[in-house]
Protein backbone atom coordinates (compact mmCIF):
# COMPACT_ATOMS: atom_id res chain seq x y z
CA MET A 1 31.38 11.15 -41.28
CA ALA A 2 31.27 14.86 -42.10
CA GLU A 3 34.28 15.79 -44.42
CA VAL A 4 36.49 18.06 -42.27
CA VAL A 5 38.89 20.39 -44.09
CA ILE A 6 41.61 21.99 -42.10
CA LEU A 7 43.04 25.04 -43.40
CA PRO A 8 45.75 27.74 -41.94
CA ASP A 9 43.23 30.37 -41.39
CA ALA A 10 39.83 31.97 -41.94
CA PRO A 11 40.66 33.64 -45.11
CA SER A 12 41.76 30.29 -46.85
CA ALA A 13 38.84 28.88 -45.45
CA GLY A 14 36.48 31.80 -47.09
CA ALA A 15 38.15 31.52 -50.38
CA LEU A 16 37.46 27.91 -50.56
CA VAL A 17 33.63 28.03 -49.84
CA ALA A 18 33.21 31.12 -51.97
CA ASP A 19 34.70 28.93 -54.93
CA GLU A 20 32.09 26.35 -54.35
CA ILE A 21 29.41 28.70 -53.85
CA VAL A 22 30.40 30.29 -57.30
CA ARG A 23 30.44 26.67 -58.82
CA LEU A 24 27.09 26.07 -57.58
CA ILE A 25 25.47 29.25 -58.92
CA ARG A 26 27.12 28.78 -62.54
CA ASP A 27 25.70 25.21 -62.53
CA ARG A 28 22.40 26.12 -61.12
CA PRO A 29 21.78 30.25 -61.68
CA HIS A 30 18.54 29.81 -59.44
CA ALA A 31 20.58 28.51 -56.65
CA VAL A 32 19.23 28.82 -53.42
CA LEU A 33 21.36 29.77 -50.70
CA GLY A 34 21.20 29.45 -46.64
CA LEU A 35 22.81 32.44 -45.23
CA ALA A 36 24.42 32.59 -41.69
CA THR A 37 25.12 35.74 -40.02
CA GLY A 38 27.69 36.90 -37.22
CA SER A 39 31.63 37.09 -37.72
CA THR A 40 32.31 33.65 -38.94
CA PRO A 41 30.81 33.54 -42.45
CA LEU A 42 32.14 36.98 -43.32
CA PRO A 43 35.42 35.57 -44.81
CA VAL A 44 33.15 33.76 -47.26
CA TYR A 45 31.26 36.91 -48.37
CA GLU A 46 34.44 38.83 -48.56
CA ALA A 47 35.75 36.15 -51.02
CA LEU A 48 32.77 36.33 -52.96
CA ARG A 49 32.71 40.04 -53.94
CA SER A 50 35.73 39.49 -56.25
CA ARG A 51 34.46 36.19 -57.54
CA LEU A 52 31.14 36.97 -58.74
CA HIS A 53 32.24 39.43 -61.15
CA GLY A 54 30.65 38.53 -64.27
CA VAL A 55 28.37 36.00 -62.84
CA ASP A 56 24.55 36.13 -63.14
CA VAL A 57 23.23 36.53 -59.71
CA SER A 58 19.97 37.57 -60.76
CA ARG A 59 17.99 34.42 -59.99
CA VAL A 60 19.90 33.51 -56.72
CA ARG A 61 17.63 33.17 -53.97
CA GLY A 62 18.61 33.27 -50.11
CA PHE A 63 17.17 32.74 -46.75
CA ALA A 64 18.74 33.85 -43.47
CA LEU A 65 19.04 31.46 -40.93
CA ASP A 66 17.27 33.45 -37.93
CA GLU A 67 16.23 36.86 -36.66
CA TYR A 68 15.92 38.50 -33.34
CA VAL A 69 12.05 38.72 -32.26
CA GLY A 70 10.84 42.24 -31.49
CA ILE A 71 13.70 44.03 -33.01
CA ASP A 72 12.90 46.86 -35.46
CA PRO A 73 14.17 45.23 -39.07
CA ALA A 74 15.87 48.66 -39.62
CA HIS A 75 18.04 48.42 -36.58
CA PRO A 76 21.55 48.11 -37.55
CA GLN A 77 21.93 44.69 -35.86
CA SER A 78 18.85 43.10 -36.96
CA TYR A 79 19.62 40.25 -39.19
CA ARG A 80 17.56 41.64 -41.99
CA SER A 81 20.17 44.87 -41.85
CA VAL A 82 23.16 42.54 -41.44
CA ILE A 83 22.15 40.46 -44.59
CA THR A 84 21.49 43.62 -46.70
CA ARG A 85 24.61 45.15 -45.62
CA GLU A 86 27.29 42.25 -45.54
CA VAL A 87 25.47 40.05 -48.22
CA VAL A 88 22.97 41.50 -50.55
CA GLU A 89 24.53 44.94 -51.17
CA PRO A 90 28.28 43.70 -51.64
CA LEU A 91 27.54 40.70 -53.88
CA GLY A 92 24.99 42.27 -56.11
CA LEU A 93 21.96 40.13 -55.24
CA VAL A 94 18.19 40.91 -55.81
CA PRO A 95 16.91 42.10 -52.51
CA ALA A 96 13.31 40.70 -53.10
CA LEU A 97 14.74 37.27 -53.30
CA ILE A 98 16.61 37.20 -50.20
CA ARG A 99 14.30 36.57 -47.29
CA THR A 100 14.98 36.62 -43.12
CA PRO A 101 12.47 35.30 -40.81
CA ASP A 102 9.79 37.75 -39.70
CA GLY A 103 10.32 38.63 -36.24
CA ARG A 104 7.89 41.33 -35.70
CA LEU A 105 5.75 40.71 -32.61
CA GLU A 106 2.67 40.94 -35.13
CA GLY A 107 1.83 37.69 -36.43
CA ILE A 108 4.79 35.97 -34.79
CA GLN A 109 2.82 32.75 -34.07
CA HIS A 110 2.51 32.04 -37.71
CA ALA A 111 5.68 33.50 -38.76
CA GLY A 112 7.67 30.00 -38.38
CA ASP A 113 5.22 28.32 -40.55
CA GLN A 114 5.37 31.13 -43.11
CA TYR A 115 8.88 30.68 -43.47
CA GLU A 116 8.95 26.78 -44.00
CA ASP A 117 6.41 27.32 -46.52
CA ALA A 118 8.79 29.92 -48.31
CA ILE A 119 11.65 27.67 -48.39
CA GLU A 120 9.28 24.77 -49.80
CA ALA A 121 8.04 26.94 -52.43
CA ALA A 122 11.69 27.94 -53.46
CA GLY A 123 12.55 24.01 -54.00
CA GLY A 124 14.48 24.04 -50.63
CA ILE A 125 17.99 25.17 -49.93
CA ASP A 126 20.97 24.00 -52.01
CA LEU A 127 23.60 24.99 -49.88
CA GLN A 128 23.37 26.17 -46.12
CA LEU A 129 26.11 28.14 -44.54
CA LEU A 130 26.57 27.64 -40.42
CA GLY A 131 28.63 28.69 -37.76
CA ILE A 132 28.85 26.96 -34.14
CA GLY A 133 28.48 28.65 -30.80
CA THR A 134 30.41 28.11 -28.12
CA ASP A 135 27.92 25.98 -26.60
CA GLY A 136 27.44 24.00 -29.75
CA HIS A 137 24.20 25.71 -30.95
CA ILE A 138 23.60 26.17 -34.80
CA GLY A 139 21.44 28.75 -36.16
CA PHE A 140 19.78 29.69 -32.83
CA ASN A 141 19.20 26.17 -32.02
CA GLU A 142 20.26 26.16 -28.31
CA PRO A 143 21.03 23.02 -26.25
CA GLY A 144 18.11 20.70 -26.14
CA SER A 145 16.36 21.56 -29.61
CA SER A 146 14.99 18.71 -31.02
CA PHE A 147 16.27 17.06 -34.28
CA ALA A 148 12.90 17.44 -35.71
CA SER A 149 12.16 21.27 -35.23
CA ARG A 150 11.30 23.50 -37.55
CA THR A 151 11.52 27.10 -37.90
CA ARG A 152 10.20 28.71 -34.55
CA VAL A 153 10.35 31.13 -31.77
CA LYS A 154 13.10 30.41 -28.99
CA THR A 155 14.56 31.82 -25.98
CA LEU A 156 18.26 32.60 -26.02
CA THR A 157 20.69 31.16 -23.38
CA GLY A 158 22.30 33.74 -21.02
CA GLN A 159 25.52 32.27 -23.10
CA THR A 160 24.51 33.18 -26.51
CA ARG A 161 23.21 36.71 -25.32
CA ALA A 162 26.61 37.34 -23.54
CA ASP A 163 28.50 36.32 -27.11
CA ASN A 164 26.27 38.55 -29.26
CA ALA A 165 26.47 41.70 -26.78
CA ARG A 166 29.65 42.67 -28.81
CA PHE A 167 27.08 43.78 -31.65
CA PHE A 168 25.04 46.02 -29.23
CA ALA A 169 25.73 48.93 -26.33
CA SER A 170 25.63 46.22 -23.59
CA VAL A 171 24.10 42.58 -23.10
CA ASP A 172 20.57 44.13 -21.82
CA GLU A 173 19.98 45.20 -25.31
CA VAL A 174 20.25 41.69 -26.78
CA PRO A 175 16.92 40.39 -27.59
CA VAL A 176 15.75 37.52 -25.36
CA HIS A 177 13.68 35.67 -28.12
CA CYS A 178 14.55 34.91 -31.69
CA ILE A 179 12.99 32.87 -34.46
CA THR A 180 15.13 30.43 -36.01
CA GLN A 181 15.56 27.79 -38.57
CA GLY A 182 14.94 24.57 -36.84
CA LEU A 183 17.64 21.78 -36.81
CA GLY A 184 14.89 19.68 -38.96
CA THR A 185 14.80 22.35 -41.53
CA ILE A 186 18.69 22.75 -41.60
CA LEU A 187 19.05 19.05 -42.27
CA ARG A 188 16.81 19.34 -45.17
CA ALA A 189 19.36 21.55 -46.78
CA ARG A 190 21.27 19.67 -49.59
CA HIS A 191 24.70 20.53 -48.75
CA LEU A 192 25.60 21.66 -45.25
CA VAL A 193 29.01 24.00 -44.78
CA LEU A 194 29.80 24.38 -41.31
CA LEU A 195 32.57 26.86 -40.67
CA ALA A 196 34.65 27.59 -37.23
CA PHE A 197 37.70 29.74 -36.38
CA GLY A 198 39.86 30.20 -33.32
CA GLU A 199 40.41 27.85 -30.24
CA GLY A 200 37.21 29.11 -28.49
CA LYS A 201 35.35 27.00 -30.87
CA ALA A 202 37.57 23.84 -30.86
CA ASP A 203 35.39 21.85 -27.97
CA ALA A 204 32.43 22.67 -30.01
CA VAL A 205 33.58 21.40 -33.39
CA ALA A 206 35.15 18.24 -31.62
CA GLY A 207 31.65 17.42 -30.24
CA ALA A 208 29.82 18.30 -33.09
CA VAL A 209 32.06 16.25 -35.52
CA GLU A 210 33.58 13.49 -33.26
CA GLY A 211 31.16 13.44 -30.26
CA PRO A 212 27.90 11.52 -29.61
CA VAL A 213 24.57 12.85 -31.56
CA THR A 214 22.75 14.52 -28.80
CA ALA A 215 20.37 17.31 -28.27
CA SER A 216 23.26 18.75 -25.53
CA LEU A 217 25.02 19.53 -28.70
CA PRO A 218 23.09 20.92 -31.29
CA GLY A 219 25.78 21.00 -33.94
CA SER A 220 26.26 17.61 -33.31
CA ALA A 221 23.07 16.95 -35.95
CA ILE A 222 25.20 17.33 -38.58
CA GLN A 223 26.46 13.79 -38.32
CA LEU A 224 22.88 12.78 -39.49
CA HIS A 225 23.00 14.57 -42.85
CA PRO A 226 24.61 13.11 -46.05
CA HIS A 227 26.35 15.91 -47.23
CA VAL A 228 28.37 18.04 -44.81
CA THR A 229 31.76 19.89 -45.22
CA VAL A 230 33.18 21.19 -42.04
CA VAL A 231 35.79 24.06 -42.81
CA VAL A 232 38.03 25.08 -39.68
CA ASP A 233 41.28 26.71 -39.04
CA GLU A 234 43.99 25.06 -37.25
CA ALA A 235 43.05 26.39 -33.76
CA ALA A 236 39.58 25.49 -34.18
CA ALA A 237 40.78 21.89 -35.03
CA SER A 238 43.13 21.73 -32.14
CA ARG A 239 40.86 19.11 -30.17
CA LEU A 240 39.78 16.95 -33.42
CA HIS A 241 40.99 13.20 -32.66
CA TYR A 242 41.29 12.35 -36.22
CA ALA A 243 42.75 15.48 -37.53
CA GLU A 244 45.47 14.06 -39.27
CA TYR A 245 43.29 11.47 -41.02
CA TYR A 246 41.24 14.40 -42.08
CA ARG A 247 44.29 16.37 -43.50
CA ASP A 248 45.22 13.06 -45.21
CA VAL A 249 41.58 12.61 -46.60
CA TRP A 250 41.69 16.26 -48.18
CA ARG A 251 45.33 15.73 -49.72
CA ASN A 252 44.00 12.55 -51.57
CA LYS A 253 40.44 13.91 -52.39
CA PRO A 254 39.62 13.65 -56.23
CA GLU A 255 39.28 16.97 -57.69
CA TRP A 256 36.11 15.91 -59.58
CA GLN A 257 34.21 15.36 -56.31
CA GLY A 258 34.37 19.12 -55.46
CA LEU A 259 33.53 20.38 -51.86
């Protein structure tokens, strides 16, 4: 069973996860982070800004979960731009050590394998941040994705494009294709940290944590991983059947175990 931590709000969740990332970097200066985009991980990145003062991040490496296919990397909503704007520059990371999948059309047929090779060459991902979509997708692994899948090109569902339209002028500007780490890729990370906030994510969270393991809800793949931490606010936890048990476990967790 995943460890579920229920906190009052997104800022407190961001602070908790940020503290764990700082601990990881202090213990492992060449840590490899899996970086999620979108609004969900922003509280983590915001909390890290003050916590990384005096911490050597010159060897920290990072791999983004996904990228749109065919979008100009300089476009403000490309995930290369988002990661640079929200993570690399504010946290003082070395740009050359932070990678996103290559979504350029030229060579796209080989981009997935190249990304897998780069992750392997870095020694694998130590801590992977994840959000979850309203339909249960993680990364851009839409319902029906194989649990063994590797980084590859996927077609986005209408629901995902509609959800992401808030970042563009209209839904018509949201790319139809993406390149994303596969569920199998994600499951190879040593620690998964899934965040979710708001009542709109409650059903997806409950399905991922307590429902059957099924490709129809890709987030349920986290149940197959030995070290998963799910950090949610009260609203996102509202459909969890065992919420009181999760609270009791967290209150009584030995401090030495960490996150």
